Amino acid sequence: MDFHQLRVFVEAAKEKSFSRAAEKIFLSQPTVSAHIKSLEKEIGTLLFERRQRELKLTEAGKILLRYARELLDKKEEALAVIQKDTQAKEGRLEIAASSVPGAYLLPPLLQVFNKIYPGVT
């Protein structure tokens, strides 16, 4: 089971159709079906009741859907934190100012700057 399979499963559950899910995530319908069959084989039970024109989640499918959404959300959250951390601004800022701006104008501006860029000294 991998994130890609879970994403396909969540989309199929949302769309209630392998074909509509395939269109939404830019895969072929047979590829979506193969991902779902692979998940069902790994789990050992059906995830969908296949009806004429619509899919319906089985009880196992409902359980997996809840966890799959949570896992995919956590993955996105982790990636966002990692990207934010690796894109953090760091360095040294040197400012020259006369006494009045240096004493009265710069301190509040630098407080805001330090909140936005904590890695800059």
PDB file of N, CA and C in Angstrom:
ATOM      1  N   MET A   1       0.854  -1.172   0.000  1.00  0.00           N
ATOM      2  CA  MET A   1       0.000   0.000   0.000  1.00  0.00           C
ATOM      3  C   MET A   1       0.899   1.234   0.000  1.00  0.00           C
ATOM      4  N   ASP A   2       0.621   2.155  -0.918  1.00  0.00           N
ATOM      5  CA  ASP A   2       1.415   3.376  -0.957  1.00  0.00           C
ATOM      6  C   ASP A   2       0.491   4.593  -1.061  1.00  0.00           C
ATOM      7  N   PHE A   3       1.084   5.777  -0.971  1.00  0.00           N
ATOM      8  CA  PHE A   3       0.297   7.007  -0.995  1.00  0.00           C
ATOM      9  C   PHE A   3      -0.474   7.166  -2.305  1.00  0.00           C
ATOM     10  N   HIS A   4       0.140   6.762  -3.397  1.00  0.00           N
ATOM     11  CA  HIS A   4      -0.527   6.900  -4.693  1.00  0.00           C
ATOM     12  C   HIS A   4      -1.798   6.045  -4.731  1.00  0.00           C
ATOM     13  N   GLN A   5      -1.707   4.822  -4.265  1.00  0.00           N
ATOM     14  CA  GLN A   5      -2.888   3.951  -4.221  1.00  0.00           C
ATOM     15  C   GLN A   5      -3.970   4.544  -3.320  1.00  0.00           C
ATOM     16  N   LEU A   6      -3.552   5.090  -2.189  1.00  0.00           N
ATOM     17  CA  LEU A   6      -4.525   5.688  -1.273  1.00  0.00           C
ATOM     18  C   LEU A   6      -5.212   6.891  -1.907  1.00  0.00           C
ATOM     19  N   ARG A   7      -4.443   7.686  -2.641  1.00  0.00           N
ATOM     20  CA  ARG A   7      -5.026   8.850  -3.318  1.00  0.00           C
ATOM     21  C   ARG A   7      -6.056   8.396  -4.356  1.00  0.00           C
ATOM     22  N   VAL A   8      -5.728   7.361  -5.105  1.00  0.00           N
ATOM     23  CA  VAL A   8      -6.656   6.807  -6.098  1.00  0.00           C
ATOM     24  C   VAL A   8      -7.916   6.296  -5.393  1.00  0.00           C
ATOM     25  N   PHE A   9      -7.737   5.587  -4.294  1.00  0.00           N
ATOM     26  CA  PHE A   9      -8.872   5.058  -3.538  1.00  0.00           C
ATOM     27  C   PHE A   9      -9.777   6.185  -3.035  1.00  0.00           C
ATOM     28  N   VAL A  10      -9.186   7.219  -2.442  1.00  0.00           N
ATOM     29  CA  VAL A  10      -9.967   8.346  -1.918  1.00  0.00           C
ATOM     30  C   VAL A  10     -10.749   9.020  -3.043  1.00  0.00           C
ATOM     31  N   GLU A  11     -10.113   9.213  -4.166  1.00  0.00           N
ATOM     32  CA  GLU A  11     -10.787   9.860  -5.298  1.00  0.00           C
ATOM     33  C   GLU A  11     -11.929   8.992  -5.828  1.00  0.00           C
ATOM     34  N   ALA A  12     -11.714   7.694  -5.920  1.00  0.00           N
ATOM     35  CA  ALA A  12     -12.774   6.788  -6.378  1.00  0.00           C
ATOM     36  C   ALA A  12     -13.953   6.803  -5.401  1.00  0.00           C
ATOM     37  N   ALA A  13     -13.652   6.846  -4.115  1.00  0.00           N
ATOM     38  CA  ALA A  13     -14.712   6.902  -3.108  1.00  0.00           C
ATOM     39  C   ALA A  13     -15.491   8.212  -3.224  1.00  0.00           C
ATOM     40  N   LYS A  14     -14.778   9.293  -3.449  1.00  0.00           N
ATOM     41  CA  LYS A  14     -15.422  10.603  -3.564  1.00  0.00           C
ATOM     42  C   LYS A  14     -16.296  10.688  -4.817  1.00  0.00           C
ATOM     43  N   GLU A  15     -15.776  10.202  -5.915  1.00  0.00           N
ATOM     44  CA  GLU A  15     -16.487  10.292  -7.197  1.00  0.00           C
ATOM     45  C   GLU A  15     -17.517   9.178  -7.392  1.00  0.00           C
ATOM     46  N   LYS A  16     -17.413   8.111  -6.587  1.00  0.00           N
ATOM     47  CA  LYS A  16     -18.293   6.943  -6.700  1.00  0.00           C
ATOM     48  C   LYS A  16     -18.236   6.331  -8.097  1.00  0.00           C
ATOM     49  N   SER A  17     -17.070   6.468  -8.712  1.00  0.00           N
ATOM     50  CA  SER A  17     -16.891   5.949 -10.071  1.00  0.00           C
ATOM     51  C   SER A  17     -15.404   5.868 -10.381  1.00  0.00           C
ATOM     52  N   PHE A  18     -14.966   4.736 -10.911  1.00  0.00           N
ATOM     53  CA  PHE A  18     -13.571   4.612 -11.333  1.00  0.00           C
ATOM     54  C   PHE A  18     -13.288   5.530 -12.521  1.00  0.00           C
ATOM     55  N   SER A  19     -14.237   5.641 -13.424  1.00  0.00           N
ATOM     56  CA  SER A  19     -14.033   6.475 -14.618  1.00  0.00           C
ATOM     57  C   SER A  19     -13.894   7.950 -14.257  1.00  0.00           C
ATOM     58  N   ARG A  20     -14.789   8.453 -13.407  1.00  0.00           N
ATOM     59  CA  ARG A  20     -14.706   9.873 -13.007  1.00  0.00           C
ATOM     60  C   ARG A  20     -13.452  10.132 -12.177  1.00  0.00           C
ATOM     61  N   ALA A  21     -13.098   9.192 -11.322  1.00  0.00           N
ATOM     62  CA  ALA A  21     -11.863   9.336 -10.540  1.00  0.00           C
ATOM     63  C   ALA A  21     -10.661   9.378 -11.468  1.00  0.00           C
ATOM     64  N   ALA A  22     -10.661   8.519 -12.461  1.00  0.00           N
ATOM     65  CA  ALA A  22      -9.548   8.472 -13.421  1.00  0.00           C
ATOM     66  C   ALA A  22      -9.386   9.812 -14.129  1.00  0.00           C
ATOM     67  N   GLU A  23     -10.491  10.397 -14.567  1.00  0.00           N
ATOM     68  CA  GLU A  23     -10.432  11.707 -15.228  1.00  0.00           C
ATOM     69  C   GLU A  23      -9.869  12.766 -14.292  1.00  0.00           C
ATOM     70  N   LYS A  24     -10.306  12.740 -13.063  1.00  0.00           N
ATOM     71  CA  LYS A  24      -9.914  13.771 -12.102  1.00  0.00           C
ATOM     72  C   LYS A  24      -8.426  13.715 -11.764  1.00  0.00           C
ATOM     73  N   ILE A  25      -7.861  12.515 -11.725  1.00  0.00           N
ATOM     74  CA  ILE A  25      -6.449  12.394 -11.340  1.00  0.00           C
ATOM     75  C   ILE A  25      -5.554  12.006 -12.516  1.00  0.00           C
ATOM     76  N   PHE A  26      -6.106  12.158 -13.718  1.00  0.00           N
ATOM     77  CA  PHE A  26      -5.331  11.993 -14.950  1.00  0.00           C
ATOM     78  C   PHE A  26      -4.700  10.601 -15.092  1.00  0.00           C
ATOM     79  N   LEU A  27      -5.509   9.591 -14.818  1.00  0.00           N
ATOM     80  CA  LEU A  27      -5.113   8.201 -15.036  1.00  0.00           C
ATOM     81  C   LEU A  27      -6.163   7.550 -15.926  1.00  0.00           C
ATOM     82  N   SER A  28      -5.836   6.401 -16.455  1.00  0.00           N
ATOM     83  CA  SER A  28      -6.839   5.657 -17.217  1.00  0.00           C
ATOM     84  C   SER A  28      -7.741   4.898 -16.242  1.00  0.00           C
ATOM     85  N   GLN A  29      -8.934   4.567 -16.698  1.00  0.00           N
ATOM     86  CA  GLN A  29      -9.863   3.824 -15.853  1.00  0.00           C
ATOM     87  C   GLN A  29      -9.305   2.447 -15.492  1.00  0.00           C
ATOM     88  N   PRO A  30      -8.665   1.727 -16.431  1.00  0.00           N
ATOM     89  CA  PRO A  30      -8.075   0.438 -16.049  1.00  0.00           C
ATOM     90  C   PRO A  30      -6.973   0.572 -14.985  1.00  0.00           C
ATOM     91  N   THR A  31      -6.229   1.677 -15.017  1.00  0.00           N
ATOM     92  CA  THR A  31      -5.190   1.898 -14.004  1.00  0.00           C
ATOM     93  C   THR A  31      -5.820   2.093 -12.631  1.00  0.00           C
ATOM     94  N   VAL A  32      -6.891   2.876 -12.573  1.00  0.00           N
ATOM     95  CA  VAL A  32      -7.604   3.076 -11.302  1.00  0.00           C
ATOM     96  C   VAL A  32      -8.125   1.732 -10.796  1.00  0.00           C
ATOM     97  N   SER A  33      -8.740   0.963 -11.669  1.00  0.00           N
ATOM     98  CA  SER A  33      -9.249  -0.363 -11.281  1.00  0.00           C
ATOM     99  C   SER A  33      -8.132  -1.256 -10.750  1.00  0.00           C
ATOM    100  N   ALA A  34      -6.978  -1.209 -11.406  1.00  0.00           N
ATOM    101  CA  ALA A  34      -5.844  -2.033 -10.974  1.00  0.00           C
ATOM    102  C   ALA A  34      -5.358  -1.618  -9.588  1.00  0.00           C
ATOM    103  N   HIS A  35      -5.308  -0.311  -9.325  1.00  0.00           N
ATOM    104  CA  HIS A  35      -4.889   0.163  -7.994  1.00  0.00           C
ATOM    105  C   HIS A  35      -5.866  -0.322  -6.922  1.00  0.00           C
ATOM    106  N   ILE A  36      -7.150  -0.235  -7.212  1.00  0.00           N
ATOM    107  CA  ILE A  36      -8.155  -0.659  -6.235  1.00  0.00           C
ATOM    108  C   ILE A  36      -8.076  -2.172  -6.015  1.00  0.00           C
ATOM    109  N   LYS A  37      -7.935  -2.933  -7.081  1.00  0.00           N
ATOM    110  CA  LYS A  37      -7.806  -4.389  -6.943  1.00  0.00           C
ATOM    111  C   LYS A  37      -6.567  -4.756  -6.134  1.00  0.00           C
ATOM    112  N   SER A  38      -5.481  -4.028  -6.346  1.00  0.00           N
ATOM    113  CA  SER A  38      -4.252  -4.279  -5.595  1.00  0.00           C
ATOM    114  C   SER A  38      -4.460  -4.009  -4.104  1.00  0.00           C
ATOM    115  N   LEU A  39      -5.129  -2.902  -3.786  1.00  0.00           N
ATOM    116  CA  LEU A  39      -5.435  -2.598  -2.383  1.00  0.00           C
ATOM    117  C   LEU A  39      -6.328  -3.680  -1.779  1.00  0.00           C
ATOM    118  N   GLU A  40      -7.355  -4.067  -2.516  1.00  0.00           N
ATOM    119  CA  GLU A  40      -8.273  -5.091  -2.012  1.00  0.00           C
ATOM    120  C   GLU A  40      -7.549  -6.409  -1.775  1.00  0.00           C
ATOM    121  N   LYS A  41      -6.635  -6.752  -2.665  1.00  0.00           N
ATOM    122  CA  LYS A  41      -5.865  -7.990  -2.494  1.00  0.00           C
ATOM    123  C   LYS A  41      -4.983  -7.899  -1.252  1.00  0.00           C
ATOM    124  N   GLU A  42      -4.326  -6.758  -1.077  1.00  0.00           N
ATOM    125  CA  GLU A  42      -3.441  -6.585   0.083  1.00  0.00           C
ATOM    126  C   GLU A  42      -4.221  -6.626   1.392  1.00  0.00           C
ATOM    127  N   ILE A  43      -5.377  -5.980   1.412  1.00  0.00           N
ATOM    128  CA  ILE A  43      -6.188  -5.919   2.626  1.00  0.00           C
ATOM    129  C   ILE A  43      -6.952  -7.227   2.845  1.00  0.00           C
ATOM    130  N   GLY A  44      -7.290  -7.894   1.760  1.00  0.00           N
ATOM    131  CA  GLY A  44      -7.979  -9.171   1.870  1.00  0.00           C
ATOM    132  C   GLY A  44      -9.492  -9.069   1.887  1.00  0.00           C
ATOM    133  N   THR A  45     -10.020  -7.944   1.433  1.00  0.00           N
ATOM    134  CA  THR A  45     -11.474  -7.773   1.379  1.00  0.00           C
ATOM    135  C   THR A  45     -11.829  -6.714   0.342  1.00  0.00           C
ATOM    136  N   LEU A  46     -13.087  -6.719  -0.074  1.00  0.00           N
ATOM    137  CA  LEU A  46     -13.548  -5.711  -1.029  1.00  0.00           C
ATOM    138  C   LEU A  46     -13.691  -4.356  -0.347  1.00  0.00           C
ATOM    139  N   LEU A  47     -13.348  -3.306  -1.061  1.00  0.00           N
ATOM    140  CA  LEU A  47     -13.490  -1.943  -0.550  1.00  0.00           C
ATOM    141  C   LEU A  47     -14.731  -1.262  -1.114  1.00  0.00           C
ATOM    142  N   PHE A  48     -15.174  -1.740  -2.270  1.00  0.00           N
ATOM    143  CA  PHE A  48     -16.354  -1.172  -2.926  1.00  0.00           C
ATOM    144  C   PHE A  48     -17.330  -2.272  -3.307  1.00  0.00           C
ATOM    145  N   GLU A  49     -18.615  -1.940  -3.224  1.00  0.00           N
ATOM    146  CA  GLU A  49     -19.650  -2.737  -3.866  1.00  0.00           C
ATOM    147  C   GLU A  49     -19.800  -2.121  -5.245  1.00  0.00           C
ATOM    148  N   ARG A  50     -19.596  -2.923  -6.257  1.00  0.00           N
ATOM    149  CA  ARG A  50     -19.676  -2.409  -7.620  1.00  0.00           C
ATOM    150  C   ARG A  50     -21.101  -2.578  -8.124  1.00  0.00           C
ATOM    151  N   ARG A  51     -21.784  -1.463  -8.276  1.00  0.00           N
ATOM    152  CA  ARG A  51     -23.154  -1.473  -8.791  1.00  0.00           C
ATOM    153  C   ARG A  51     -23.119  -1.076 -10.257  1.00  0.00           C
ATOM    154  N   GLN A  52     -24.262  -1.075 -10.907  1.00  0.00           N
ATOM    155  CA  GLN A  52     -24.301  -0.794 -12.344  1.00  0.00           C
ATOM    156  C   GLN A  52     -23.614   0.515 -12.704  1.00  0.00           C
ATOM    157  N   ARG A  53     -23.996   1.601 -12.103  1.00  0.00           N
ATOM    158  CA  ARG A  53     -23.458   2.904 -12.492  1.00  0.00           C
ATOM    159  C   ARG A  53     -22.775   3.639 -11.338  1.00  0.00           C
ATOM    160  N   GLU A  54     -22.599   2.968 -10.210  1.00  0.00           N
ATOM    161  CA  GLU A  54     -22.055   3.678  -9.060  1.00  0.00           C
ATOM    162  C   GLU A  54     -21.339   2.712  -8.120  1.00  0.00           C
ATOM    163  N   LEU A  55     -20.319   3.235  -7.482  1.00  0.00           N
ATOM    164  CA  LEU A  55     -19.606   2.467  -6.463  1.00  0.00           C
ATOM    165  C   LEU A  55     -20.155   2.839  -5.098  1.00  0.00           C
ATOM    166  N   LYS A  56     -20.202   1.863  -4.213  1.00  0.00           N
ATOM    167  CA  LYS A  56     -20.593   2.119  -2.831  1.00  0.00           C
ATOM    168  C   LYS A  56     -19.537   1.493  -1.938  1.00  0.00           C
ATOM    169  N   LEU A  57     -19.071   2.239  -0.952  1.00  0.00           N
ATOM    170  CA  LEU A  57     -18.062   1.725  -0.029  1.00  0.00           C
ATOM    171  C   LEU A  57     -18.626   0.601   0.831  1.00  0.00           C
ATOM    172  N   THR A  58     -17.829  -0.431   1.026  1.00  0.00           N
ATOM    173  CA  THR A  58     -18.157  -1.472   1.998  1.00  0.00           C
ATOM    174  C   THR A  58     -17.776  -0.934   3.379  1.00  0.00           C
ATOM    175  N   GLU A  59     -18.069  -1.682   4.415  1.00  0.00           N
ATOM    176  CA  GLU A  59     -17.665  -1.249   5.765  1.00  0.00           C
ATOM    177  C   GLU A  59     -16.142  -1.116   5.842  1.00  0.00           C
ATOM    178  N   ALA A  60     -15.434  -2.074   5.254  1.00  0.00           N
ATOM    179  CA  ALA A  60     -13.965  -1.997   5.237  1.00  0.00           C
ATOM    180  C   ALA A  60     -13.510  -0.762   4.463  1.00  0.00           C
ATOM    181  N   GLY A  61     -14.203  -0.457   3.379  1.00  0.00           N
ATOM    182  CA  GLY A  61     -13.877   0.725   2.589  1.00  0.00           C
ATOM    183  C   GLY A  61     -14.075   2.008   3.374  1.00  0.00           C
ATOM    184  N   LYS A  62     -15.136   2.065   4.165  1.00  0.00           N
ATOM    185  CA  LYS A  62     -15.399   3.251   4.996  1.00  0.00           C
ATOM    186  C   LYS A  62     -14.289   3.446   6.023  1.00  0.00           C
ATOM    187  N   ILE A  63     -13.851   2.352   6.613  1.00  0.00           N
ATOM    188  CA  ILE A  63     -12.767   2.430   7.601  1.00  0.00           C
ATOM    189  C   ILE A  63     -11.481   2.897   6.932  1.00  0.00           C
ATOM    190  N   LEU A  64     -11.145   2.267   5.806  1.00  0.00           N
ATOM    191  CA  LEU A  64      -9.920   2.662   5.105  1.00  0.00           C
ATOM    192  C   LEU A  64      -9.990   4.108   4.643  1.00  0.00           C
ATOM    193  N   LEU A  65     -11.149   4.560   4.190  1.00  0.00           N
ATOM    194  CA  LEU A  65     -11.286   5.940   3.709  1.00  0.00           C
ATOM    195  C   LEU A  65     -10.924   6.937   4.801  1.00  0.00           C
ATOM    196  N   ARG A  66     -11.402   6.698   6.003  1.00  0.00           N
ATOM    197  CA  ARG A  66     -11.100   7.607   7.117  1.00  0.00           C
ATOM    198  C   ARG A  66      -9.589   7.689   7.353  1.00  0.00           C
ATOM    199  N   TYR A  67      -8.931   6.538   7.396  1.00  0.00           N
ATOM    200  CA  TYR A  67      -7.491   6.518   7.635  1.00  0.00           C
ATOM    201  C   TYR A  67      -6.703   7.025   6.431  1.00  0.00           C
ATOM    202  N   ALA A  68      -7.161   6.715   5.235  1.00  0.00           N
ATOM    203  CA  ALA A  68      -6.459   7.163   4.026  1.00  0.00           C
ATOM    204  C   ALA A  68      -6.454   8.684   3.948  1.00  0.00           C
ATOM    205  N   ARG A  69      -7.587   9.300   4.232  1.00  0.00           N
ATOM    206  CA  ARG A  69      -7.649  10.774   4.222  1.00  0.00           C
ATOM    207  C   ARG A  69      -6.696  11.359   5.254  1.00  0.00           C
ATOM    208  N   GLU A  70      -6.693  10.767   6.433  1.00  0.00           N
ATOM    209  CA  GLU A  70      -5.811  11.244   7.498  1.00  0.00           C
ATOM    210  C   GLU A  70      -4.342  11.107   7.099  1.00  0.00           C
ATOM    211  N   LEU A  71      -3.981   9.969   6.533  1.00  0.00           N
ATOM    212  CA  LEU A  71      -2.593   9.750   6.096  1.00  0.00           C
ATOM    213  C   LEU A  71      -2.182  10.738   5.008  1.00  0.00           C
ATOM    214  N   LEU A  72      -3.055  10.952   4.040  1.00  0.00           N
ATOM    215  CA  LEU A  72      -2.737  11.885   2.958  1.00  0.00           C
ATOM    216  C   LEU A  72      -2.627  13.314   3.479  1.00  0.00           C
ATOM    217  N   ASP A  73      -3.495  13.690   4.425  1.00  0.00           N
ATOM    218  CA  ASP A  73      -3.404  15.021   5.034  1.00  0.00           C
ATOM    219  C   ASP A  73      -2.092  15.183   5.796  1.00  0.00           C
ATOM    220  N   LYS A  74      -1.715  14.159   6.557  1.00  0.00           N
ATOM    221  CA  LYS A  74      -0.460  14.215   7.323  1.00  0.00           C
ATOM    222  C   LYS A  74       0.749  14.285   6.397  1.00  0.00           C
ATOM    223  N   LYS A  75       0.684  13.579   5.290  1.00  0.00           N
ATOM    224  CA  LYS A  75       1.777  13.633   4.313  1.00  0.00           C
ATOM    225  C   LYS A  75       1.938  15.060   3.794  1.00  0.00           C
ATOM    226  N   GLU A  76       0.824  15.693   3.421  1.00  0.00           N
ATOM    227  CA  GLU A  76       0.878  17.071   2.914  1.00  0.00           C
ATOM    228  C   GLU A  76       1.387  18.027   3.992  1.00  0.00           C
ATOM    229  N   GLU A  77       0.941  17.814   5.213  1.00  0.00           N
ATOM    230  CA  GLU A  77       1.388  18.647   6.331  1.00  0.00           C
ATOM    231  C   GLU A  77       2.896  18.505   6.539  1.00  0.00           C
ATOM    232  N   ALA A  78       3.387  17.287   6.507  1.00  0.00           N
ATOM    233  CA  ALA A  78       4.826  17.040   6.684  1.00  0.00           C
ATOM    234  C   ALA A  78       5.630  17.689   5.567  1.00  0.00           C
ATOM    235  N   LEU A  79       5.165  17.548   4.333  1.00  0.00           N
ATOM    236  CA  LEU A  79       5.875  18.163   3.208  1.00  0.00           C
ATOM    237  C   LEU A  79       5.901  19.680   3.326  1.00  0.00           C
ATOM    238  N   ALA A  80       4.797  20.266   3.772  1.00  0.00           N
ATOM    239  CA  ALA A  80       4.741  21.720   3.939  1.00  0.00           C
ATOM    240  C   ALA A  80       5.730  22.188   5.004  1.00  0.00           C
ATOM    241  N   VAL A  81       5.802  21.457   6.109  1.00  0.00           N
ATOM    242  CA  VAL A  81       6.741  21.823   7.181  1.00  0.00           C
ATOM    243  C   VAL A  81       8.179  21.689   6.698  1.00  0.00           C
ATOM    244  N   ILE A  82       8.466  20.615   5.991  1.00  0.00           N
ATOM    245  CA  ILE A  82       9.823  20.401   5.479  1.00  0.00           C
ATOM    246  C   ILE A  82      10.199  21.490   4.487  1.00  0.00           C
ATOM    247  N   GLN A  83       9.293  21.816   3.577  1.00  0.00           N
ATOM    248  CA  GLN A  83       9.582  22.859   2.593  1.00  0.00           C
ATOM    249  C   GLN A  83       9.775  24.206   3.263  1.00  0.00           C
ATOM    250  N   LYS A  84       8.936  24.501   4.239  1.00  0.00           N
ATOM    251  CA  LYS A  84       9.068  25.767   4.959  1.00  0.00           C
ATOM    252  C   LYS A  84      10.415  25.828   5.668  1.00  0.00           C
ATOM    253  N   ASP A  85      10.783  24.710   6.285  1.00  0.00           N
ATOM    254  CA  ASP A  85      12.043  24.657   7.020  1.00  0.00           C
ATOM    255  C   ASP A  85      13.246  24.800   6.089  1.00  0.00           C
ATOM    256  N   THR A  86      13.192  24.155   4.942  1.00  0.00           N
ATOM    257  CA  THR A  86      14.336  24.215   4.027  1.00  0.00           C
ATOM    258  C   THR A  86      14.399  25.526   3.264  1.00  0.00           C
ATOM    259  N   GLN A  87      13.298  26.260   3.240  1.00  0.00           N
ATOM    260  CA  GLN A  87      13.288  27.541   2.550  1.00  0.00           C
ATOM    261  C   GLN A  87      13.433  28.713   3.521  1.00  0.00           C
ATOM    262  N   ALA A  88      13.742  28.410   4.766  1.00  0.00           N
ATOM    263  CA  ALA A  88      13.878  29.463   5.768  1.00  0.00           C
ATOM    264  C   ALA A  88      15.000  30.413   5.387  1.00  0.00           C
ATOM    265  N   LYS A  89      14.757  31.672   5.625  1.00  0.00           N
ATOM    266  CA  LYS A  89      15.761  32.698   5.334  1.00  0.00           C
ATOM    267  C   LYS A  89      16.698  32.821   6.530  1.00  0.00           C
ATOM    268  N   GLU A  90      17.980  32.786   6.244  1.00  0.00           N
ATOM    269  CA  GLU A  90      18.993  32.924   7.284  1.00  0.00           C
ATOM    270  C   GLU A  90      20.063  33.879   6.796  1.00  0.00           C
ATOM    271  N   GLY A  91      20.732  34.479   7.733  1.00  0.00           N
ATOM    272  CA  GLY A  91      21.828  35.364   7.363  1.00  0.00           C
ATOM    273  C   GLY A  91      21.974  36.504   8.345  1.00  0.00           C
ATOM    274  N   ARG A  92      22.686  37.490   7.886  1.00  0.00           N
ATOM    275  CA  ARG A  92      22.978  38.643   8.734  1.00  0.00           C
ATOM    276  C   ARG A  92      22.535  39.900   8.003  1.00  0.00           C
ATOM    277  N   LEU A  93      21.865  40.778   8.716  1.00  0.00           N
ATOM    278  CA  LEU A  93      21.387  42.036   8.161  1.00  0.00           C
ATOM    279  C   LEU A  93      22.107  43.174   8.871  1.00  0.00           C
ATOM    280  N   GLU A  94      22.721  44.038   8.095  1.00  0.00           N
ATOM    281  CA  GLU A  94      23.392  45.208   8.671  1.00  0.00           C
ATOM    282  C   GLU A  94      22.670  46.453   8.193  1.00  0.00           C
ATOM    283  N   ILE A  95      22.319  47.312   9.157  1.00  0.00           N
ATOM    284  CA  ILE A  95      21.597  48.550   8.845  1.00  0.00           C
ATOM    285  C   ILE A  95      22.350  49.715   9.469  1.00  0.00           C
ATOM    286  N   ALA A  96      22.471  50.781   8.709  1.00  0.00           N
ATOM    287  CA  ALA A  96      23.074  52.012   9.222  1.00  0.00           C
ATOM    288  C   ALA A  96      22.003  53.092   9.231  1.00  0.00           C
ATOM    289  N   ALA A  97      21.923  53.828  10.318  1.00  0.00           N
ATOM    290  CA  ALA A  97      20.935  54.906  10.414  1.00  0.00           C
ATOM    291  C   ALA A  97      21.456  55.971  11.363  1.00  0.00           C
ATOM    292  N   SER A  98      20.973  57.182  11.186  1.00  0.00           N
ATOM    293  CA  SER A  98      21.344  58.249  12.121  1.00  0.00           C
ATOM    294  C   SER A  98      20.645  57.992  13.451  1.00  0.00           C
ATOM    295  N   SER A  99      20.953  58.788  14.455  1.00  0.00           N
ATOM    296  CA  SER A  99      20.491  58.511  15.814  1.00  0.00           C
ATOM    297  C   SER A  99      18.974  58.545  15.979  1.00  0.00           C
ATOM    298  N   VAL A 100      18.275  59.488  15.398  1.00  0.00           N
ATOM    299  CA  VAL A 100      16.822  59.577  15.596  1.00  0.00           C
ATOM    300  C   VAL A 100      16.106  58.388  14.943  1.00  0.00           C
ATOM    301  N   PRO A 101      16.318  58.111  13.639  1.00  0.00           N
ATOM    302  CA  PRO A 101      15.657  56.922  13.079  1.00  0.00           C
ATOM    303  C   PRO A 101      16.115  55.633  13.769  1.00  0.00           C
ATOM    304  N   GLY A 102      17.394  55.570  14.124  1.00  0.00           N
ATOM    305  CA  GLY A 102      17.919  54.375  14.779  1.00  0.00           C
ATOM    306  C   GLY A 102      17.301  54.149  16.144  1.00  0.00           C
ATOM    307  N   ALA A 103      16.957  55.208  16.833  1.00  0.00           N
ATOM    308  CA  ALA A 103      16.394  55.088  18.174  1.00  0.00           C
ATOM    309  C   ALA A 103      14.876  54.938  18.165  1.00  0.00           C
ATOM    310  N   TYR A 104      14.198  55.560  17.203  1.00  0.00           N
ATOM    311  CA  TYR A 104      12.734  55.607  17.253  1.00  0.00           C
ATOM    312  C   TYR A 104      12.015  54.837  16.139  1.00  0.00           C
ATOM    313  N   LEU A 105      12.570  54.801  14.960  1.00  0.00           N
ATOM    314  CA  LEU A 105      11.878  54.165  13.841  1.00  0.00           C
ATOM    315  C   LEU A 105      12.264  52.694  13.641  1.00  0.00           C
ATOM    316  N   LEU A 106      13.534  52.409  13.761  1.00  0.00           N
ATOM    317  CA  LEU A 106      14.001  51.054  13.465  1.00  0.00           C
ATOM    318  C   LEU A 106      13.568  49.983  14.470  1.00  0.00           C
ATOM    319  N   PRO A 107      13.568  50.237  15.781  1.00  0.00           N
ATOM    320  CA  PRO A 107      13.212  49.159  16.715  1.00  0.00           C
ATOM    321  C   PRO A 107      11.866  48.477  16.428  1.00  0.00           C
ATOM    322  N   PRO A 108      10.764  49.219  16.217  1.00  0.00           N
ATOM    323  CA  PRO A 108       9.512  48.501  15.929  1.00  0.00           C
ATOM    324  C   PRO A 108       9.543  47.772  14.578  1.00  0.00           C
ATOM    325  N   LEU A 109      10.221  48.353  13.597  1.00  0.00           N
ATOM    326  CA  LEU A 109      10.337  47.696  12.298  1.00  0.00           C
ATOM    327  C   LEU A 109      11.153  46.411  12.405  1.00  0.00           C
ATOM    328  N   LEU A 110      12.224  46.454  13.188  1.00  0.00           N
ATOM    329  CA  LEU A 110      13.070  45.271  13.347  1.00  0.00           C
ATOM    330  C   LEU A 110      12.358  44.160  14.127  1.00  0.00           C
ATOM    331  N   GLN A 111      11.474  44.530  15.045  1.00  0.00           N
ATOM    332  CA  GLN A 111      10.694  43.510  15.761  1.00  0.00           C
ATOM    333  C   GLN A 111       9.812  42.730  14.786  1.00  0.00           C
ATOM    334  N   VAL A 112       9.153  43.448  13.901  1.00  0.00           N
ATOM    335  CA  VAL A 112       8.312  42.797  12.894  1.00  0.00           C
ATOM    336  C   VAL A 112       9.175  41.944  11.969  1.00  0.00           C
ATOM    337  N   PHE A 113      10.294  42.495  11.533  1.00  0.00           N
ATOM    338  CA  PHE A 113      11.204  41.770  10.648  1.00  0.00           C
ATOM    339  C   PHE A 113      11.683  40.474  11.311  1.00  0.00           C
ATOM    340  N   ASN A 114      12.040  40.545  12.594  1.00  0.00           N
ATOM    341  CA  ASN A 114      12.525  39.359  13.318  1.00  0.00           C
ATOM    342  C   ASN A 114      11.448  38.282  13.460  1.00  0.00           C
ATOM    343  N   LYS A 115      10.186  38.681  13.559  1.00  0.00           N
ATOM    344  CA  LYS A 115       9.109  37.691  13.624  1.00  0.00           C
ATOM    345  C   LYS A 115       8.942  36.983  12.286  1.00  0.00           C
ATOM    346  N   ILE A 116       9.093  37.736  11.206  1.00  0.00           N
ATOM    347  CA  ILE A 116       8.941  37.161   9.868  1.00  0.00           C
ATOM    348  C   ILE A 116      10.159  36.328   9.489  1.00  0.00           C
ATOM    349  N   TYR A 117      11.346  36.809   9.834  1.00  0.00           N
ATOM    350  CA  TYR A 117      12.607  36.143   9.466  1.00  0.00           C
ATOM    351  C   TYR A 117      13.439  35.863  10.718  1.00  0.00           C
ATOM    352  N   PRO A 118      13.060  34.874  11.522  1.00  0.00           N
ATOM    353  CA  PRO A 118      13.782  34.616  12.770  1.00  0.00           C
ATOM    354  C   PRO A 118      15.220  34.146  12.564  1.00  0.00           C
ATOM    355  N   GLY A 119      15.547  33.639  11.397  1.00  0.00           N
ATOM    356  CA  GLY A 119      16.900  33.157  11.132  1.00  0.00           C
ATOM    357  C   GLY A 119      17.873  34.247  10.727  1.00  0.00           C
ATOM    358  N   VAL A 120      17.375  35.462  10.547  1.00  0.00           N
ATOM    359  CA  VAL A 120      18.243  36.579  10.162  1.00  0.00           C
ATOM    360  C   VAL A 120      18.618  37.346  11.417  1.00  0.00           C
ATOM    361  N   THR A 121      19.925  37.561  11.592  1.00  0.00           N
ATOM    362  CA  THR A 121      20.389  38.292  12.777  1.00  0.00           C
ATOM    363  C   THR A 121      20.920  39.641  12.384  1.00  0.00           C
TER     364      THR A 121
END
